[in-house]
C-alpha atoms as a PDB file:
ATOM      1  CA  MET A   1      -7.112  24.195  -5.217  1.00  0.00           C
ATOM      2  CA  THR A   2      -9.065  21.462  -3.448  1.00  0.00           C
ATOM      3  CA  THR A   3      -7.458  18.788  -1.331  1.00  0.00           C
ATOM      4  CA  SER A   4      -8.488  16.007  -3.728  1.00  0.00           C
ATOM      5  CA  LEU A   5      -6.980  17.857  -6.704  1.00  0.00           C
ATOM      6  CA  ARG A   6      -3.771  18.468  -4.742  1.00  0.00           C
ATOM      7  CA  THR A   7      -3.641  14.773  -3.826  1.00  0.00           C
ATOM      8  CA  LEU A   8      -4.180  13.759  -7.445  1.00  0.00           C
ATOM      9  CA  LEU A   9      -1.389  16.049  -8.667  1.00  0.00           C
ATOM     10  CA  PHE A  10       0.978  14.746  -5.980  1.00  0.00           C
ATOM     11  CA  THR A  11       0.151  11.155  -6.949  1.00  0.00           C
ATOM     12  CA  ILE A  12       0.788  11.820 -10.639  1.00  0.00           C
ATOM     13  CA  ARG A  13       4.152  13.450  -9.860  1.00  0.00           C
ATOM     14  CA  PHE A  14       5.120  10.612  -7.534  1.00  0.00           C
ATOM     15  CA  VAL A  15       4.289   7.874 -10.054  1.00  0.00           C
ATOM     16  CA  LYS A  16       6.216   9.671 -12.815  1.00  0.00           C
ATOM     17  CA  ALA A  17       9.238  10.016 -10.524  1.00  0.00           C
ATOM     18  CA  LEU A  18       8.955   6.360  -9.509  1.00  0.00           C
ATOM     19  CA  ILE A  19       8.967   5.277 -13.152  1.00  0.00           C
ATOM     20  CA  ASN A  20      11.919   7.579 -13.897  1.00  0.00           C
ATOM     21  CA  ALA A  21      13.839   5.983 -11.039  1.00  0.00           C
ATOM     22  CA  THR A  22      13.655   2.645 -12.871  1.00  0.00           C
ATOM     23  CA  LEU A  23      14.445   3.838 -16.405  1.00  0.00           C
ATOM     24  CA  LYS A  24      18.196   3.554 -15.838  1.00  0.00           C
ATOM     25  CA  LEU A  25      17.704  -0.204 -15.503  1.00  0.00           C
ATOM     26  CA  GLU A  26      17.218  -0.466 -19.274  1.00  0.00           C
ATOM     27  CA  SER A  27      20.864   0.488 -19.763  1.00  0.00           C
ATOM     28  CA  PHE A  28      22.236  -0.668 -16.404  1.00  0.00           C
ATOM     29  CA  PRO A  29      20.209  -3.687 -15.233  1.00  0.00           C
ATOM     30  CA  TYR A  30      22.762  -4.550 -12.561  1.00  0.00           C
ATOM     31  CA  ALA A  31      22.543  -1.081 -10.976  1.00  0.00           C
ATOM     32  CA  GLY A  32      20.133  -2.351  -8.342  1.00  0.00           C
ATOM     33  CA  ARG A  33      21.430  -4.301  -5.383  1.00  0.00           C
ATOM     34  CA  MET A  34      20.765  -7.979  -4.782  1.00  0.00           C
ATOM     35  CA  VAL A  35      17.669  -8.470  -2.630  1.00  0.00           C
ATOM     36  CA  PRO A  36      19.033  -9.634   0.754  1.00  0.00           C
ATOM     37  CA  GLU A  37      16.327 -12.292   1.154  1.00  0.00           C
ATOM     38  CA  PHE A  38      17.467 -13.953  -2.115  1.00  0.00           C
ATOM     39  CA  GLU A  39      21.238 -13.404  -2.079  1.00  0.00           C
ATOM     40  CA  HIS A  40      21.885 -17.104  -1.470  1.00  0.00           C
ATOM     41  CA  ALA A  41      19.759 -18.175  -4.460  1.00  0.00           C
ATOM     42  CA  SER A  42      20.911 -17.881  -8.045  1.00  0.00           C
ATOM     43  CA  LEU A  43      17.678 -16.189  -9.145  1.00  0.00           C
ATOM     44  CA  ASN A  44      19.306 -12.796  -9.840  1.00  0.00           C
ATOM     45  CA  ILE A  45      16.585 -10.872  -7.999  1.00  0.00           C
ATOM     46  CA  ARG A  46      17.534  -7.241  -7.470  1.00  0.00           C
ATOM     47  CA  GLU A  47      15.958  -4.064  -6.144  1.00  0.00           C
ATOM     48  CA  VAL A  48      15.972  -0.312  -6.528  1.00  0.00           C
ATOM     49  CA  ILE A  49      14.710   1.743  -3.610  1.00  0.00           C
ATOM     50  CA  TYR A  50      12.804   4.947  -4.246  1.00  0.00           C
ATOM     51  CA  GLN A  51      11.563   7.004  -1.305  1.00  0.00           C
ATOM     52  CA  GLY A  52      11.266   3.951   0.891  1.00  0.00           C
ATOM     53  CA  TYR A  53       9.546   1.780  -1.744  1.00  0.00           C
ATOM     54  CA  ARG A  54      11.264  -1.366  -2.971  1.00  0.00           C
ATOM     55  CA  ILE A  55      11.054  -1.940  -6.712  1.00  0.00           C
ATOM     56  CA  ILE A  56      11.987  -5.597  -7.040  1.00  0.00           C
ATOM     57  CA  TYR A  57      12.923  -7.114 -10.372  1.00  0.00           C
ATOM     58  CA  GLN A  58      14.590 -10.161 -11.813  1.00  0.00           C
ATOM     59  CA  ILE A  59      17.114 -10.360 -14.622  1.00  0.00           C
ATOM     60  CA  THR A  60      16.412 -13.467 -16.696  1.00  0.00           C
ATOM     61  CA  PRO A  61      19.171 -15.431 -18.463  1.00  0.00           C
ATOM     62  CA  ASP A  62      18.317 -13.669 -21.745  1.00  0.00           C
ATOM     63  CA  GLN A  63      18.782 -10.271 -20.025  1.00  0.00           C
ATOM     64  CA  VAL A  64      15.063  -9.431 -19.797  1.00  0.00           C
ATOM     65  CA  LEU A  65      13.925  -7.484 -16.738  1.00  0.00           C
ATOM     66  CA  ARG A  66      10.798  -8.736 -14.995  1.00  0.00           C
ATOM     67  CA  LEU A  67       9.129  -6.631 -12.327  1.00  0.00           C
ATOM     68  CA  LEU A  68       8.058  -8.849  -9.459  1.00  0.00           C
ATOM     69  CA  GLN A  69       4.909  -8.434  -7.443  1.00  0.00           C
END
């Protein structure tokens, strides 16, 4: 197996696992913690951490999750 193929397979597995880490938010949107930088604001910005990566999202008043960039 070549290095580039191994890297590609690792990347695919990582992205799938990253997406799976956020799927629980559909049922439990408040599972993530409040983002410390925005705790004082009433923007309801939360985060889930997966292997050192911050997945930051906002819960809107109508309970829609928005991933933030």
